[in-house]
Amino acid sequence: MTPGDEHDYGESARSDEEHGYGRTRLRLPENDPYGGARRGGRSSSRSLVTVVGVVVLLIAAIAFANRGGDDSSSPSANGSTGDKPDATSTAATGTKPVDTKTGGIPTGYAHDAQGAQSAAANYAVALGSADMFITDLRHQIVDTVYAPDIAVSKQTALDTAYSSETFLGNIGLDKDGTAPDGQAFVSRVIPVGSKVTASSASNATVEVWYTSLFGLSGEASTNPVSESWFTTTYQLQWTSNDWKVTDFQQKDGPVPVGRDQQASTADDMTKAVEEFGGFTYAR
């Protein structure tokens, strides 16, 4: 993962009503040139027909929903019926989230495909966090998520990348990786989904699709927090009774179409990032 590399329709509708938007007003002439004054009886009869039609449809729907005697509604072997889905069809699936952590990062995953997906999703969060820009915290993350024989070389490469004053300056950070006074640095990865594309007893390839927030939140920020979408493919190895990263490749997207929403203020963004914590992911 290269460095750098949730609609209230009610409020909108009320706003439209207050300003008169979304309503068409048609002023009819006092004298109808095609047949004289308008007749109220026709409107009343049409309204009556509409109401009757709705009532008939409602009665039919109720009768259909309560019909009996159909073989398809008889209980099946597992107690469910043909008309109603079994309760287990909407139950949560997958293994429980891990309950152990190393340096704040979830570890100790199941030795199976689901465990590999959980590991990849949680490691993506750690590798995309703002802690990666602080030397000591970055070393701890790398030692935790990477396989032991890979961690040393990755440490050196990442130190070079994250300590570049040019890179840090371009994103608005001080040379020690901290944000200027009055601003908050935001770097957060939010996994949307994951899938295993290859797996064996000792290795797994997992793709994680996620959105990320990155930038500086503050009135004086020249690099405001923005949203991006990526898919990262992780190569994982089962080592020391856990899944660990050996390599990864990142690509853009898939990117959804953005909605017409007003961007929040810098203060709102800073408050949200500080108050809303992350999750531990499990498939």
Protein backbone atom coordinates (compact mmCIF):
# COMPACT_ATOMS: atom_id res chain seq x y z
CA MET A 1 0.00 0.00 0.00
CA THR A 2 1.82 3.06 -1.16
CA PRO A 3 1.83 6.11 1.08
CA GLY A 4 -0.92 8.57 0.31
CA ASP A 5 -1.88 5.71 -1.63
CA GLU A 6 -22.92 6.31 4.95
CA HIS A 7 -29.11 9.97 3.12
CA ASP A 8 -31.54 12.07 4.82
CA TYR A 9 -34.26 12.36 2.24
CA GLY A 10 -36.63 13.87 4.78
CA GLU A 11 -34.61 17.02 5.21
CA SER A 12 -34.17 17.37 1.46
CA ALA A 13 -37.88 16.92 0.83
CA ARG A 14 -38.84 19.46 3.47
CA SER A 15 -36.40 21.92 2.02
CA ASP A 16 -37.94 21.47 -1.40
CA GLU A 17 -41.42 22.02 -0.05
CA GLU A 18 -40.41 25.15 1.79
CA HIS A 19 -39.03 26.67 -1.39
CA GLY A 20 -41.81 25.43 -3.63
CA TYR A 21 -39.63 23.03 -5.57
CA GLY A 22 -40.93 19.74 -6.87
CA ARG A 23 -44.59 20.92 -7.22
CA THR A 24 -46.31 21.89 -10.46
CA ARG A 25 -49.15 24.39 -10.29
CA LEU A 26 -51.50 24.56 -13.27
CA ARG A 27 -53.91 27.54 -13.50
CA LEU A 28 -56.94 26.62 -15.63
CA PRO A 29 -58.93 29.31 -17.45
CA GLU A 30 -62.19 30.47 -15.88
CA ASN A 31 -64.05 29.68 -19.10
CA ASP A 32 -63.38 26.40 -20.83
CA PRO A 33 -63.18 27.13 -24.58
CA TYR A 34 -63.85 23.46 -25.32
CA GLY A 35 -67.14 22.93 -23.49
CA GLY A 36 -68.04 25.58 -20.96
CA ALA A 37 -67.46 25.59 -17.21
CA ARG A 38 -65.66 22.67 -15.57
CA ARG A 39 -67.91 19.98 -14.13
CA GLY A 40 -67.12 18.70 -10.62
CA GLY A 41 -69.06 15.44 -11.08
CA ARG A 42 -66.47 13.95 -13.42
CA SER A 43 -63.67 14.53 -10.89
CA SER A 44 -65.74 12.97 -8.10
CA SER A 45 -66.56 9.89 -10.19
CA ARG A 46 -62.94 9.43 -11.12
CA SER A 47 -61.91 9.66 -7.45
CA LEU A 48 -64.56 7.07 -6.54
CA VAL A 49 -63.30 4.68 -9.21
CA THR A 50 -59.74 5.12 -7.96
CA VAL A 51 -60.69 4.40 -4.34
CA VAL A 52 -62.73 1.32 -5.32
CA GLY A 53 -59.84 0.05 -7.40
CA VAL A 54 -57.41 0.41 -4.54
CA VAL A 55 -59.77 -1.39 -2.13
CA VAL A 56 -60.25 -4.28 -4.59
CA LEU A 57 -56.51 -4.67 -5.02
CA LEU A 58 -55.96 -4.58 -1.26
CA ILE A 59 -58.60 -7.27 -0.66
CA ALA A 60 -57.05 -9.43 -3.35
CA ALA A 61 -53.59 -9.02 -1.85
CA ILE A 62 -54.83 -9.98 1.64
CA ALA A 63 -56.64 -13.03 0.26
CA PHE A 64 -53.53 -14.12 -1.60
CA ALA A 65 -51.31 -13.70 1.45
CA ASN A 66 -53.68 -15.78 3.62
CA ARG A 67 -54.57 -18.47 1.14
CA GLY A 68 -54.34 -22.03 2.43
CA GLY A 69 -54.47 -25.58 1.20
CA ASP A 70 -51.47 -25.17 -1.09
CA ASP A 71 -49.03 -28.06 -0.93
CA SER A 72 -46.14 -25.62 -1.21
CA SER A 73 -47.01 -24.14 2.19
CA SER A 74 -46.77 -27.43 4.07
CA PRO A 75 -43.86 -27.64 6.51
CA SER A 76 -40.69 -29.10 5.14
CA ALA A 77 -38.38 -31.50 6.89
CA ASN A 78 -36.56 -28.65 8.64
CA GLY A 79 -39.80 -27.01 9.83
CA SER A 80 -39.83 -24.21 7.25
CA THR A 81 -42.56 -23.59 4.69
CA GLY A 82 -42.45 -23.05 0.99
CA ASP A 83 -43.87 -19.53 1.29
CA LYS A 84 -41.63 -18.32 4.09
CA PRO A 85 -37.82 -18.44 4.19
CA ASP A 86 -36.20 -20.37 6.96
CA ALA A 87 -35.01 -18.16 9.82
CA THR A 88 -31.43 -19.29 9.30
CA SER A 89 -31.37 -17.76 5.81
CA THR A 90 -30.75 -14.32 7.32
CA ALA A 91 -28.47 -15.41 10.15
CA ALA A 92 -24.92 -14.13 10.31
CA THR A 93 -22.35 -16.34 8.62
CA GLY A 94 -18.64 -16.84 9.04
CA THR A 95 -16.37 -17.23 12.02
CA LYS A 96 -16.35 -14.89 15.00
CA PRO A 97 -13.90 -11.98 15.05
CA VAL A 98 -10.59 -12.71 16.70
CA ASP A 99 -10.29 -11.70 20.33
CA THR A 100 -6.52 -11.28 20.54
CA LYS A 101 -4.43 -8.31 19.49
CA THR A 102 -0.78 -7.49 18.99
CA GLY A 103 0.03 -3.83 19.31
CA GLY A 104 -3.65 -3.00 18.83
CA ILE A 105 -3.88 -5.05 15.62
CA PRO A 106 -6.15 -8.14 15.61
CA THR A 107 -4.13 -11.36 15.31
CA GLY A 108 -4.60 -15.10 15.82
CA TYR A 109 -6.78 -15.97 12.83
CA ALA A 110 -8.38 -19.29 11.92
CA HIS A 111 -6.30 -21.53 9.69
CA ASP A 112 -8.76 -21.46 6.79
CA ALA A 113 -9.96 -19.25 3.95
CA GLN A 114 -12.21 -17.19 6.21
CA GLY A 115 -9.33 -16.56 8.57
CA ALA A 116 -7.20 -15.41 5.65
CA GLN A 117 -9.88 -12.91 4.56
CA SER A 118 -10.21 -11.55 8.09
CA ALA A 119 -6.45 -11.16 8.35
CA ALA A 120 -6.20 -9.36 5.02
CA ALA A 121 -9.02 -6.93 5.89
CA ASN A 122 -7.59 -6.06 9.30
CA TYR A 123 -4.05 -5.76 7.99
CA ALA A 124 -5.31 -3.41 5.26
CA VAL A 125 -6.72 -1.14 7.98
CA ALA A 126 -3.42 -1.12 9.86
CA LEU A 127 -1.26 -0.54 6.78
CA GLY A 128 -3.52 2.32 5.64
CA SER A 129 -3.63 4.10 8.99
CA ALA A 130 -2.05 7.39 10.01
CA ASP A 131 0.22 5.41 12.36
CA MET A 132 2.23 4.33 9.33
CA PHE A 133 3.60 7.88 9.15
CA ILE A 134 5.13 7.70 12.66
CA THR A 135 8.39 5.72 12.66
CA ASP A 136 7.98 3.72 15.89
CA LEU A 137 4.34 2.88 15.19
CA ARG A 138 5.14 1.93 11.60
CA HIS A 139 7.82 -0.51 12.76
CA GLN A 140 5.32 -2.12 15.13
CA ILE A 141 2.73 -2.49 12.38
CA VAL A 142 5.19 -4.00 9.93
CA ASP A 143 6.50 -6.48 12.51
CA THR A 144 2.92 -7.54 13.27
CA VAL A 145 1.39 -7.96 9.81
CA TYR A 146 4.34 -9.17 7.74
CA ALA A 147 5.91 -12.62 7.80
CA PRO A 148 9.11 -12.58 9.92
CA ASP A 149 11.43 -13.24 6.99
CA ILE A 150 9.82 -10.39 5.02
CA ALA A 151 9.44 -7.78 7.74
CA VAL A 152 13.08 -6.69 7.84
CA SER A 153 13.33 -5.84 4.14
CA LYS A 154 9.89 -4.19 4.15
CA GLN A 155 10.92 -2.11 7.14
CA THR A 156 13.82 -0.60 5.27
CA ALA A 157 11.83 0.13 2.13
CA LEU A 158 8.95 1.70 4.03
CA ASP A 159 11.26 3.81 6.17
CA THR A 160 12.73 5.27 3.02
CA ALA A 161 9.33 6.04 1.54
CA TYR A 162 7.66 7.44 4.64
CA SER A 163 10.61 9.55 5.79
CA SER A 164 10.97 11.46 2.52
CA GLU A 165 10.57 15.13 3.38
CA THR A 166 9.42 15.79 -0.18
CA PHE A 167 6.62 13.25 0.14
CA LEU A 168 5.63 14.43 3.60
CA GLY A 169 5.72 18.05 2.48
CA ASN A 170 3.51 17.32 -0.52
CA ILE A 171 0.75 15.98 1.71
CA GLY A 172 1.19 18.78 4.25
CA LEU A 173 2.91 16.92 7.09
CA ASP A 174 5.93 17.97 9.09
CA LYS A 175 9.15 16.03 8.64
CA ASP A 176 8.34 13.81 11.64
CA GLY A 177 5.04 12.76 10.05
CA THR A 178 2.81 14.89 12.25
CA ALA A 179 0.19 17.42 11.16
CA PRO A 180 0.73 21.18 11.52
CA ASP A 181 -0.84 22.93 14.50
CA GLY A 182 -4.59 23.36 14.15
CA GLN A 183 -4.94 20.52 11.65
CA ALA A 184 -5.67 16.79 11.93
CA PHE A 185 -4.14 14.19 9.64
CA VAL A 186 -6.63 11.61 8.38
CA SER A 187 -5.59 8.31 6.82
CA ARG A 188 -8.16 5.57 7.22
CA VAL A 189 -9.04 2.41 5.25
CA ILE A 190 -12.61 1.02 5.38
CA PRO A 191 -12.91 -2.47 3.81
CA VAL A 192 -16.11 -3.05 1.83
CA GLY A 193 -15.56 -6.69 0.94
CA SER A 194 -13.01 -9.43 0.42
CA LYS A 195 -12.60 -12.67 -1.50
CA VAL A 196 -10.12 -15.53 -1.72
CA THR A 197 -8.80 -16.17 -5.19
CA ALA A 198 -6.38 -18.97 -4.25
CA SER A 199 -5.64 -20.93 -1.09
CA SER A 200 -3.78 -23.90 0.29
CA ALA A 201 -2.70 -25.10 3.73
CA SER A 202 0.21 -22.67 3.80
CA ASN A 203 -0.67 -19.84 1.42
CA ALA A 204 -3.64 -17.70 0.41
CA THR A 205 -4.35 -14.90 -2.03
CA VAL A 206 -7.00 -12.47 -0.85
CA GLU A 207 -8.44 -9.40 -2.56
CA VAL A 208 -9.75 -6.60 -0.35
CA TRP A 209 -11.96 -3.88 -1.84
CA TYR A 210 -12.03 -0.75 0.25
CA THR A 211 -12.54 2.98 0.39
CA SER A 212 -10.02 5.26 2.01
CA LEU A 213 -10.06 8.72 3.56
CA PHE A 214 -6.89 10.74 3.23
CA GLY A 215 -5.86 14.33 3.83
CA LEU A 216 -5.57 17.11 6.37
CA SER A 217 -8.64 18.40 8.16
CA GLY A 218 -8.44 22.04 9.23
CA GLU A 219 -9.30 25.53 8.11
CA ALA A 220 -5.81 26.15 6.73
CA SER A 221 -5.49 22.77 5.00
CA THR A 222 -4.38 22.78 1.39
CA ASN A 223 -4.93 19.02 1.17
CA PRO A 224 -8.53 18.45 2.41
CA VAL A 225 -9.75 14.97 3.31
CA SER A 226 -10.88 13.14 0.18
CA GLU A 227 -12.26 9.69 -0.62
CA SER A 228 -10.69 7.10 -2.91
CA TRP A 229 -11.45 3.48 -3.85
CA PHE A 230 -8.94 0.67 -4.27
CA THR A 231 -8.59 -3.10 -4.41
CA THR A 232 -5.47 -4.63 -2.89
CA THR A 233 -4.43 -8.23 -3.49
CA TYR A 234 -2.58 -9.70 -0.50
CA GLN A 235 -0.29 -12.70 -0.60
CA LEU A 236 -0.58 -14.40 2.80
CA GLN A 237 1.48 -17.16 4.38
CA TRP A 238 0.59 -19.37 7.35
CA THR A 239 3.48 -18.92 9.70
CA SER A 240 3.87 -19.02 13.49
CA ASN A 241 0.24 -20.17 13.79
CA ASP A 242 -1.17 -17.11 12.04
CA TRP A 243 -1.69 -15.53 8.62
CA LYS A 244 0.96 -12.98 7.69
CA VAL A 245 1.54 -10.78 4.63
CA THR A 246 4.37 -11.58 2.23
CA ASP A 247 3.46 -9.22 -0.61
CA PHE A 248 0.62 -7.15 -2.10
CA GLN A 249 -0.45 -5.31 -5.25
CA GLN A 250 -2.84 -2.38 -5.37
CA LYS A 251 -5.11 -1.10 -8.14
CA ASP A 252 -7.75 1.61 -8.43
CA GLY A 253 -11.47 0.88 -8.02
CA PRO A 254 -14.11 -0.29 -8.49
CA VAL A 255 -15.33 3.26 -7.95
CA PRO A 256 -19.08 3.89 -7.34
CA VAL A 257 -20.92 6.92 -8.70
CA GLY A 258 -20.81 9.76 -6.17
CA ARG A 259 -24.03 11.20 -4.76
CA ASP A 260 -24.82 14.89 -4.77
CA GLN A 261 -23.99 15.56 -1.13
CA GLN A 262 -22.49 18.70 0.33
CA ALA A 263 -19.04 18.21 1.79
CA SER A 264 -18.80 18.59 5.56
CA THR A 265 -16.87 21.38 7.19
CA ALA A 266 -13.32 20.83 8.37
CA ASP A 267 -14.49 20.89 12.00
CA ASP A 268 -17.19 18.27 11.36
CA MET A 269 -14.70 16.03 9.59
CA THR A 270 -12.14 16.31 12.38
CA LYS A 271 -14.79 15.59 15.02
CA ALA A 272 -16.05 12.53 13.13
CA VAL A 273 -12.59 11.03 12.71
CA GLU A 274 -11.78 11.58 16.38
CA GLU A 275 -15.09 10.23 17.73
CA PHE A 276 -15.82 7.29 15.42
CA GLY A 277 -13.51 4.34 15.98
CA GLY A 278 -12.80 1.51 13.56
CA PHE A 279 -13.84 -2.14 13.47
CA THR A 280 -12.32 -5.56 13.78
CA TYR A 281 -13.20 -7.37 10.55
CA ALA A 282 -14.21 -11.02 10.21
CA ARG A 283 -15.61 -12.80 7.19
